[in-house]
């Protein structure tokens, strides 16, 4: 396998130079470790997906020439990698995307593919556009390019590991390799290439809590299809890990698949943007978020390689990401208050706020009672402990309230 991956790595150099493996001083100091980031966000399409697509195309073209057309279904990084490679090889491709795909992603895919790629918007959800892509492949004879569950895709993603090994040098072996997981192509490729050089226990896989396809499959000992998936971490929101990928990952323990909250991932995105000036998409922030979850005590003195899988972040999402990050840090909360409807009631309430508390939202929810009204209020503060003081003040004056910050149903409906 290693020789095949190394040949794929050499071939990839016709498309773009190796992505950097950077020793990150900020994270290294924070955890008392040597933390290297493999910057896949610096590929031509700002994600590692271009690797698997290129390897798939080059093998098909070597066998059949450039007369075939290709098709894929994707609303994100796979589509962009597919488009870039279509233009590189000068072959025709069709990308199926859901109608709900953000315009930014549609535009980037069109730019990367140029005249060689057609984009078709079909269906409201991915499953519908995937079926349309399959129908197109069957009816037209176009070759379907899968996003992760294929040996050539896995081999292409394994080039990440080949580059890491060369960049670290023969005398350096990582104590921990942290890999984000969606469909499992990257994890299957990297672990396969490093097998025998890096112990199995040295791998840590990261998934969002809302899409734990690898963790649940490892627990069950077979591939599990999730009933539902939280799409916030869109680059890793996969309901079923690839069958071939799971076969290569099933030897790992369930505990090696760490589940990370979507809000914690938002903290990483904000931190890396503010401190390092690095733009990460949610899936690209998974591996760094895992370091925070492990903490300094477990990482101190270790050599860590964390794969940053992508940086295709839509800045229209930034307000939501900031909101989630503040909630995770305990710096923002939402309450429903039962406030007396009398002159001076609002002034009395404002006097309960501390010097670092700020109202970010205030609205009446209903006015059906004569003496009391329900109010939704959002409060931001500088330190989490300020909310303990504020709640104590509420209790002292007998103000009835409900903290709905972590109530997903109410938060989704009201906030």
Protein backbone atom coordinates (compact mmCIF):
# COMPACT_ATOMS: atom_id res chain seq x y z
CA UNK A 1 0.00 0.00 0.00
CA UNK A 2 2.78 2.44 0.87
CA UNK A 3 4.32 2.27 -2.59
CA UNK A 4 0.94 2.93 -4.20
CA UNK A 5 0.35 5.92 -1.92
CA UNK A 6 3.81 7.29 -2.63
CA UNK A 7 3.19 7.00 -6.37
CA UNK A 8 -0.10 8.83 -5.85
CA UNK A 9 1.76 11.50 -3.87
CA UNK A 10 4.28 11.99 -6.67
CA UNK A 11 1.48 12.27 -9.22
CA UNK A 12 -0.29 14.82 -7.04
CA UNK A 13 2.67 17.17 -7.37
CA UNK A 14 1.52 17.93 -10.91
CA UNK A 15 -1.56 19.53 -9.35
CA UNK A 16 -0.27 21.37 -6.26
CA UNK A 17 2.71 21.36 -3.85
CA UNK A 18 2.51 19.57 -0.51
CA UNK A 19 0.51 21.35 2.15
CA UNK A 20 2.60 22.59 5.09
CA UNK A 21 3.06 20.77 8.38
CA UNK A 22 3.40 23.66 10.80
CA UNK A 23 4.55 23.65 14.41
CA UNK A 24 1.92 25.84 16.03
CA UNK A 25 3.49 27.88 18.83
CA UNK A 26 0.16 29.02 20.29
CA UNK A 27 -1.18 25.48 20.78
CA UNK A 28 2.22 24.07 21.73
CA UNK A 29 2.58 26.55 24.59
CA UNK A 30 -1.03 26.03 25.70
CA UNK A 31 -0.63 22.25 26.02
CA UNK A 32 3.07 21.97 26.82
CA UNK A 33 3.51 19.82 23.72
CA UNK A 34 4.82 19.98 20.18
CA UNK A 35 1.63 20.47 18.21
CA UNK A 36 1.96 20.22 14.44
CA UNK A 37 -0.95 21.20 12.21
CA UNK A 38 -1.25 19.57 8.79
CA UNK A 39 -2.77 22.48 6.90
CA UNK A 40 -5.16 20.92 4.40
CA UNK A 41 -7.03 24.22 4.47
CA UNK A 42 -4.17 25.52 2.29
CA UNK A 43 -4.78 23.19 -0.65
CA UNK A 44 -6.05 24.81 -3.88
CA UNK A 45 -9.66 24.09 -2.86
CA UNK A 46 -9.04 24.66 0.86
CA UNK A 47 -9.62 21.02 1.83
CA UNK A 48 -8.05 17.57 1.48
CA UNK A 49 -10.91 16.32 -0.72
CA UNK A 50 -9.01 17.25 -3.86
CA UNK A 51 -6.55 14.42 -3.13
CA UNK A 52 -9.02 11.56 -3.36
CA UNK A 53 -10.75 13.06 -6.38
CA UNK A 54 -7.45 13.48 -8.23
CA UNK A 55 -6.37 9.92 -7.51
CA UNK A 56 -9.72 8.52 -8.64
CA UNK A 57 -9.63 10.50 -11.89
CA UNK A 58 -6.01 9.72 -12.75
CA UNK A 59 -6.58 5.98 -12.43
CA UNK A 60 -9.78 5.98 -14.47
CA UNK A 61 -8.19 8.16 -17.17
CA UNK A 62 -5.11 5.90 -17.28
CA UNK A 63 -7.42 2.95 -17.99
CA UNK A 64 -10.04 4.52 -20.24
CA UNK A 65 -8.65 7.81 -21.53
CA UNK A 66 -10.33 11.21 -21.34
CA UNK A 67 -13.44 10.39 -23.35
CA UNK A 68 -15.62 9.66 -20.35
CA UNK A 69 -17.72 12.16 -18.44
CA UNK A 70 -17.97 12.17 -14.66
CA UNK A 71 -20.60 13.00 -12.06
CA UNK A 72 -20.73 13.59 -8.32
CA UNK A 73 -23.21 14.67 -5.67
CA UNK A 74 -21.97 17.14 -3.08
CA UNK A 75 -22.79 20.46 -1.48
CA UNK A 76 -19.30 21.14 -0.25
CA UNK A 77 -15.63 20.22 -0.45
CA UNK A 78 -16.01 17.10 -2.59
CA UNK A 79 -17.77 19.15 -5.28
CA UNK A 80 -14.98 21.72 -5.33
CA UNK A 81 -12.24 19.10 -5.51
CA UNK A 82 -14.16 17.28 -8.25
CA UNK A 83 -14.53 20.50 -10.26
CA UNK A 84 -10.86 21.47 -9.91
CA UNK A 85 -9.73 18.04 -11.09
CA UNK A 86 -12.17 18.03 -14.04
CA UNK A 87 -10.58 21.24 -15.27
CA UNK A 88 -7.06 19.91 -14.65
CA UNK A 89 -7.64 16.81 -16.79
CA UNK A 90 -9.87 18.60 -19.30
CA UNK A 91 -12.80 16.21 -18.83
CA UNK A 92 -16.51 16.97 -18.56
CA UNK A 93 -18.23 16.65 -15.21
CA UNK A 94 -21.62 17.29 -13.66
CA UNK A 95 -22.09 18.26 -10.03
CA UNK A 96 -25.46 17.68 -8.39
CA UNK A 97 -26.16 19.95 -5.42
CA UNK A 98 -29.26 20.47 -3.28
CA UNK A 99 -31.30 23.55 -4.12
CA UNK A 100 -30.57 24.76 -0.57
CA UNK A 101 -26.79 24.91 -1.18
CA UNK A 102 -25.38 28.37 -0.26
CA UNK A 103 -24.62 30.47 -3.32
CA UNK A 104 -21.01 30.88 -2.22
CA UNK A 105 -20.38 27.14 -2.60
CA UNK A 106 -22.11 27.03 -5.97
CA UNK A 107 -20.01 29.95 -7.22
CA UNK A 108 -16.72 28.44 -6.00
CA UNK A 109 -17.48 25.10 -7.64
CA UNK A 110 -18.31 26.88 -10.91
CA UNK A 111 -15.05 28.88 -10.74
CA UNK A 112 -12.92 25.79 -10.08
CA UNK A 113 -14.55 23.78 -12.86
CA UNK A 114 -14.93 26.51 -15.46
CA UNK A 115 -16.21 25.30 -18.81
CA UNK A 116 -15.67 21.66 -17.87
CA UNK A 117 -18.32 21.44 -15.16
CA UNK A 118 -22.09 21.78 -15.16
CA UNK A 119 -23.96 22.32 -11.92
CA UNK A 120 -27.46 20.98 -11.38
CA UNK A 121 -29.52 21.95 -8.36
CA UNK A 122 -31.92 19.17 -7.39
CA UNK A 123 -33.93 18.53 -4.22
CA UNK A 124 -33.97 20.15 -0.82
CA UNK A 125 -31.71 17.61 0.91
CA UNK A 126 -28.56 15.71 -0.05
CA UNK A 127 -30.25 12.31 -0.39
CA UNK A 128 -32.49 13.67 -3.15
CA UNK A 129 -29.63 15.15 -5.15
CA UNK A 130 -27.55 11.99 -4.63
CA UNK A 131 -30.31 9.87 -6.16
CA UNK A 132 -30.51 12.32 -9.07
CA UNK A 133 -26.75 11.96 -9.61
CA UNK A 134 -27.06 8.17 -9.60
CA UNK A 135 -29.88 8.38 -12.14
CA UNK A 136 -27.74 10.65 -14.32
CA UNK A 137 -24.82 8.22 -14.14
CA UNK A 138 -27.06 5.31 -15.11
CA UNK A 139 -28.80 7.15 -17.96
CA UNK A 140 -25.77 8.92 -19.44
CA UNK A 141 -22.98 6.46 -18.73
CA UNK A 142 -21.08 9.07 -16.70
CA UNK A 143 -18.69 7.71 -14.08
CA UNK A 144 -19.80 8.36 -10.51
CA UNK A 145 -17.03 9.77 -8.30
CA UNK A 146 -17.80 8.80 -4.68
CA UNK A 147 -16.87 11.18 -1.84
CA UNK A 148 -15.16 8.62 0.42
CA UNK A 149 -16.15 4.96 0.10
CA UNK A 150 -13.76 3.78 -2.62
CA UNK A 151 -10.24 2.32 -2.58
CA UNK A 152 -8.84 4.97 -4.94
CA UNK A 153 -10.35 7.77 -2.87
CA UNK A 154 -8.84 6.29 0.30
CA UNK A 155 -5.47 5.96 -1.42
CA UNK A 156 -5.64 9.60 -2.46
CA UNK A 157 -6.45 10.78 1.07
CA UNK A 158 -3.56 8.67 2.38
CA UNK A 159 -1.18 11.07 0.62
CA UNK A 160 -1.72 13.33 3.64
CA UNK A 161 0.11 10.74 5.75
CA UNK A 162 2.89 10.30 3.18
CA UNK A 163 3.57 14.02 3.30
CA UNK A 164 3.45 14.12 7.10
CA UNK A 165 5.97 11.29 7.38
CA UNK A 166 8.37 13.05 4.99
CA UNK A 167 7.91 16.42 6.67
CA UNK A 168 8.54 15.07 10.19
CA UNK A 169 11.63 13.18 9.04
CA UNK A 170 12.69 9.62 9.77
CA UNK A 171 13.80 10.38 13.32
CA UNK A 172 10.45 11.72 14.54
CA UNK A 173 7.40 9.62 15.34
CA UNK A 174 4.22 11.31 16.60
CA UNK A 175 2.83 10.25 19.96
CA UNK A 176 -0.66 11.23 18.84
CA UNK A 177 -2.27 11.65 15.41
CA UNK A 178 -5.63 13.42 15.50
CA UNK A 179 -7.98 12.91 12.55
CA UNK A 180 -11.43 14.33 11.81
CA UNK A 181 -13.96 11.77 10.59
CA UNK A 182 -16.99 12.14 8.35
CA UNK A 183 -17.28 9.31 5.85
CA UNK A 184 -13.94 7.89 6.98
CA UNK A 185 -11.85 8.16 3.82
CA UNK A 186 -9.15 10.34 5.40
CA UNK A 187 -8.95 8.23 8.56
CA UNK A 188 -8.80 4.96 6.63
CA UNK A 189 -6.07 6.28 4.35
CA UNK A 190 -3.87 7.87 7.02
CA UNK A 191 -4.05 4.95 9.46
CA UNK A 192 -3.36 2.49 6.66
CA UNK A 193 -0.26 4.32 5.46
CA UNK A 194 1.15 4.78 8.98
CA UNK A 195 0.41 1.21 10.08
CA UNK A 196 3.56 -0.33 11.55
CA UNK A 197 5.18 3.07 12.06
CA UNK A 198 2.63 4.56 14.46
CA UNK A 199 0.91 2.33 17.08
CA UNK A 200 -2.84 1.90 16.77
CA UNK A 201 -3.31 3.47 20.21
CA UNK A 202 -1.68 6.68 18.96
CA UNK A 203 -4.66 7.56 16.73
CA UNK A 204 -7.55 9.71 17.89
CA UNK A 205 -10.61 10.18 15.69
CA UNK A 206 -12.90 13.19 16.10
CA UNK A 207 -16.58 13.38 15.26
CA UNK A 208 -19.27 15.95 16.04
CA UNK A 209 -21.74 14.82 18.68
CA UNK A 210 -24.52 15.21 16.15
CA UNK A 211 -22.98 12.77 13.65
CA UNK A 212 -21.21 9.94 15.52
CA UNK A 213 -21.24 7.37 12.68
CA UNK A 214 -17.78 5.90 13.41
CA UNK A 215 -18.25 5.81 17.20
CA UNK A 216 -21.62 4.06 17.01
CA UNK A 217 -20.32 1.60 14.40
CA UNK A 218 -17.27 0.73 16.52
CA UNK A 219 -19.52 0.18 19.52
CA UNK A 220 -21.80 -2.12 17.53
CA UNK A 221 -19.02 -3.91 15.66
CA UNK A 222 -20.75 -3.21 12.35
CA UNK A 223 -21.72 -0.24 10.20
CA UNK A 224 -24.60 1.67 11.78
CA UNK A 225 -26.83 4.11 9.90
CA UNK A 226 -27.77 7.02 12.15
CA UNK A 227 -31.47 7.88 12.46
CA UNK A 228 -30.72 11.59 12.31
CA UNK A 229 -27.74 13.88 11.88
CA UNK A 230 -27.00 17.44 13.02
CA UNK A 231 -25.76 19.20 9.88
CA UNK A 232 -23.99 22.08 11.64
CA UNK A 233 -20.56 20.49 11.09
CA UNK A 234 -21.45 20.02 7.45
CA UNK A 235 -18.10 18.63 6.33
CA UNK A 236 -18.42 15.72 8.78
CA UNK A 237 -22.20 15.35 9.06
CA UNK A 238 -22.41 11.84 7.62
CA UNK A 239 -25.17 9.44 8.65
CA UNK A 240 -23.28 6.31 7.63
CA UNK A 241 -19.54 5.76 7.51
CA UNK A 242 -18.27 4.13 4.34
CA UNK A 243 -18.37 0.33 4.37
CA UNK A 244 -14.84 -0.06 3.03
CA UNK A 245 -13.58 2.64 5.37
CA UNK A 246 -15.12 0.94 8.39
CA UNK A 247 -13.50 -2.36 7.43
CA UNK A 248 -10.16 -0.59 7.73
CA UNK A 249 -11.04 1.19 10.98
CA UNK A 250 -12.92 -1.53 12.85
CA UNK A 251 -9.75 -2.61 14.72
CA UNK A 252 -9.77 0.60 16.75
CA UNK A 253 -11.47 0.94 20.12
CA UNK A 254 -14.71 2.95 20.39
CA UNK A 255 -13.01 5.19 22.96
CA UNK A 256 -10.61 6.35 20.25
CA UNK A 257 -13.52 8.06 18.48
CA UNK A 258 -14.03 11.25 20.48
CA UNK A 259 -17.36 13.06 20.20
CA UNK A 260 -17.18 16.85 20.34
CA UNK A 261 -20.01 19.29 20.87
CA UNK A 262 -20.86 21.61 18.03
CA UNK A 263 -20.60 24.59 20.38
CA UNK A 264 -17.10 23.58 21.50
CA UNK A 265 -16.08 23.44 17.83
CA UNK A 266 -17.31 27.03 17.49
CA UNK A 267 -14.95 28.10 20.30
CA UNK A 268 -12.05 26.70 18.28
CA UNK A 269 -13.14 28.51 15.12
CA UNK A 270 -13.29 31.84 16.95
CA UNK A 271 -10.00 31.28 18.81
CA UNK A 272 -8.05 30.29 15.71
CA UNK A 273 -9.48 33.25 13.79
CA UNK A 274 -8.76 35.79 16.52
CA UNK A 275 -5.41 34.49 17.75
CA UNK A 276 -3.84 32.88 14.68
CA UNK A 277 -5.73 34.49 11.80
CA UNK A 278 -6.59 30.99 10.54
CA UNK A 279 -10.00 30.48 8.94
CA UNK A 280 -11.44 27.04 9.66
CA UNK A 281 -14.71 25.44 8.69
CA UNK A 282 -16.43 23.45 11.48
CA UNK A 283 -15.08 20.09 10.28
CA UNK A 284 -11.62 21.63 9.94
CA UNK A 285 -11.71 22.66 13.59
CA UNK A 286 -12.49 19.16 14.91
CA UNK A 287 -8.93 18.00 15.56
CA UNK A 288 -7.93 21.19 17.40
CA UNK A 289 -11.11 21.03 19.47
CA UNK A 290 -10.10 17.50 20.49
CA UNK A 291 -6.86 18.86 21.95
CA UNK A 292 -8.85 21.20 24.20
CA UNK A 293 -11.06 18.30 25.27
CA UNK A 294 -8.00 16.24 26.22
CA UNK A 295 -6.32 19.08 28.09
CA UNK A 296 -2.75 19.91 29.01
CA UNK A 297 -2.33 17.05 31.48
CA UNK A 298 -2.79 14.38 28.79
CA UNK A 299 -0.82 16.19 26.08
CA UNK A 300 2.17 17.61 27.93
CA UNK A 301 5.50 16.51 26.50
CA UNK A 302 3.98 14.75 23.48
CA UNK A 303 4.52 15.23 19.77
CA UNK A 304 1.07 15.72 18.24
CA UNK A 305 -0.01 15.87 14.60
CA UNK A 306 -3.50 17.29 14.09
CA UNK A 307 -4.97 17.28 10.59
CA UNK A 308 -6.81 20.51 9.77
CA UNK A 309 -9.11 19.16 7.11
CA UNK A 310 -10.60 22.31 5.59
CA UNK A 311 -11.11 26.06 5.65
CA UNK A 312 -14.18 26.64 3.48
CA UNK A 313 -16.01 28.79 5.98
CA UNK A 314 -19.00 30.88 4.97
CA UNK A 315 -18.66 34.12 6.93
CA UNK A 316 -22.41 34.57 6.89
CA UNK A 317 -22.33 31.86 9.56
CA UNK A 318 -20.02 33.86 11.82
CA UNK A 319 -22.76 35.41 14.02
CA UNK A 320 -24.15 31.93 14.74
CA UNK A 321 -20.67 30.55 15.42
CA UNK A 322 -19.89 33.41 17.81
CA UNK A 323 -23.22 32.89 19.57
CA UNK A 324 -22.57 29.18 20.04
CA UNK A 325 -19.02 29.84 21.26
CA UNK A 326 -20.19 32.31 23.89
CA UNK A 327 -22.86 29.90 25.11
CA UNK A 328 -20.30 27.10 25.38
CA UNK A 329 -17.97 29.32 27.40
CA UNK A 330 -20.82 30.28 29.71
CA UNK A 331 -20.65 33.93 28.65
CA UNK A 332 -24.15 34.16 27.20
CA UNK A 333 -27.47 32.90 28.49
CA UNK A 334 -31.11 33.18 27.63
CA UNK A 335 -33.86 33.44 30.24
CA UNK A 336 -37.63 33.59 30.19
CA UNK A 337 -38.66 35.96 32.97
CA UNK A 338 -42.05 36.45 34.63
CA UNK A 339 -42.00 40.21 35.15
CA UNK A 340 -44.64 42.34 36.87
CA UNK A 341 -46.36 44.77 34.51
CA UNK A 342 -46.17 47.93 36.60
CA UNK A 343 -44.34 51.22 36.36
CA UNK A 344 -40.72 50.84 37.43
CA UNK A 345 -40.56 47.02 37.05
CA UNK A 346 -38.08 47.21 34.19
CA UNK A 347 -35.91 49.71 36.07
CA UNK A 348 -35.87 47.41 39.11
CA UNK A 349 -34.80 44.52 36.93
CA UNK A 350 -32.00 46.51 35.29
CA UNK A 351 -30.65 47.36 38.72
CA UNK A 352 -30.08 43.62 39.29
CA UNK A 353 -27.55 43.44 36.46
CA UNK A 354 -23.87 43.55 37.30
CA UNK A 355 -21.32 45.97 35.80
CA UNK A 356 -20.17 43.37 33.23
CA UNK A 357 -23.65 42.22 32.20
CA UNK A 358 -25.11 43.37 28.90
CA UNK A 359 -28.57 42.77 27.43
CA UNK A 360 -28.32 41.41 23.88
CA UNK A 361 -32.00 40.61 23.38
CA UNK A 362 -35.23 41.71 25.04
CA UNK A 363 -38.78 41.02 23.92
CA UNK A 364 -42.22 40.28 25.29
CA UNK A 365 -43.41 36.81 24.37
CA UNK A 366 -47.06 37.40 25.30
CA UNK A 367 -49.23 39.84 27.21
CA UNK A 368 -52.19 37.69 28.16
CA UNK A 369 -51.99 38.34 31.90
CA UNK A 370 -52.86 41.71 33.41
CA UNK A 371 -50.33 41.68 36.24
CA UNK A 372 -47.37 39.74 34.79
CA UNK A 373 -45.77 39.33 31.38
CA UNK A 374 -43.35 36.73 29.97
CA UNK A 375 -40.12 38.17 28.63
CA UNK A 376 -37.33 36.59 26.62
CA UNK A 377 -33.98 38.11 27.51
CA UNK A 378 -30.47 37.36 26.32
CA UNK A 379 -27.56 38.44 28.50
CA UNK A 380 -23.85 38.52 27.70
CA UNK A 381 -21.18 38.91 30.34
CA UNK A 382 -17.41 38.84 30.78
CA UNK A 383 -17.05 35.84 33.14
CA UNK A 384 -19.25 32.73 33.67
CA UNK A 385 -19.43 33.28 37.43
CA UNK A 386 -21.32 36.53 36.85
CA UNK A 387 -24.41 34.46 36.08
CA UNK A 388 -24.26 32.85 39.53
CA UNK A 389 -24.39 36.34 41.03
CA UNK A 390 -27.23 37.34 38.72
CA UNK A 391 -29.33 34.26 39.49
CA UNK A 392 -28.80 34.84 43.21
CA UNK A 393 -30.14 38.37 42.70
CA UNK A 394 -33.19 36.99 40.87
CA UNK A 395 -33.87 34.61 43.76
CA UNK A 396 -33.37 37.33 46.35
CA UNK A 397 -36.15 39.52 44.93
CA UNK A 398 -38.42 36.60 44.06
CA UNK A 399 -38.16 37.02 40.29
CA UNK A 400 -39.39 33.89 38.54
CA UNK A 401 -37.17 32.79 35.66
CA UNK A 402 -36.25 29.82 33.50
CA UNK A 403 -32.78 29.37 31.99
CA UNK A 404 -33.42 28.06 28.44
CA UNK A 405 -29.85 28.31 27.15
CA UNK A 406 -29.34 24.55 26.91
CA UNK A 407 -32.94 23.70 26.06
CA UNK A 408 -32.52 22.76 22.40
CA UNK A 409 -36.24 22.69 21.61
CA UNK A 410 -36.99 26.11 23.07
CA UNK A 411 -33.76 27.59 21.78
CA UNK A 412 -34.48 26.47 18.22
CA UNK A 413 -38.05 27.76 18.36
CA UNK A 414 -37.43 31.08 20.09
CA UNK A 415 -33.77 32.04 19.71
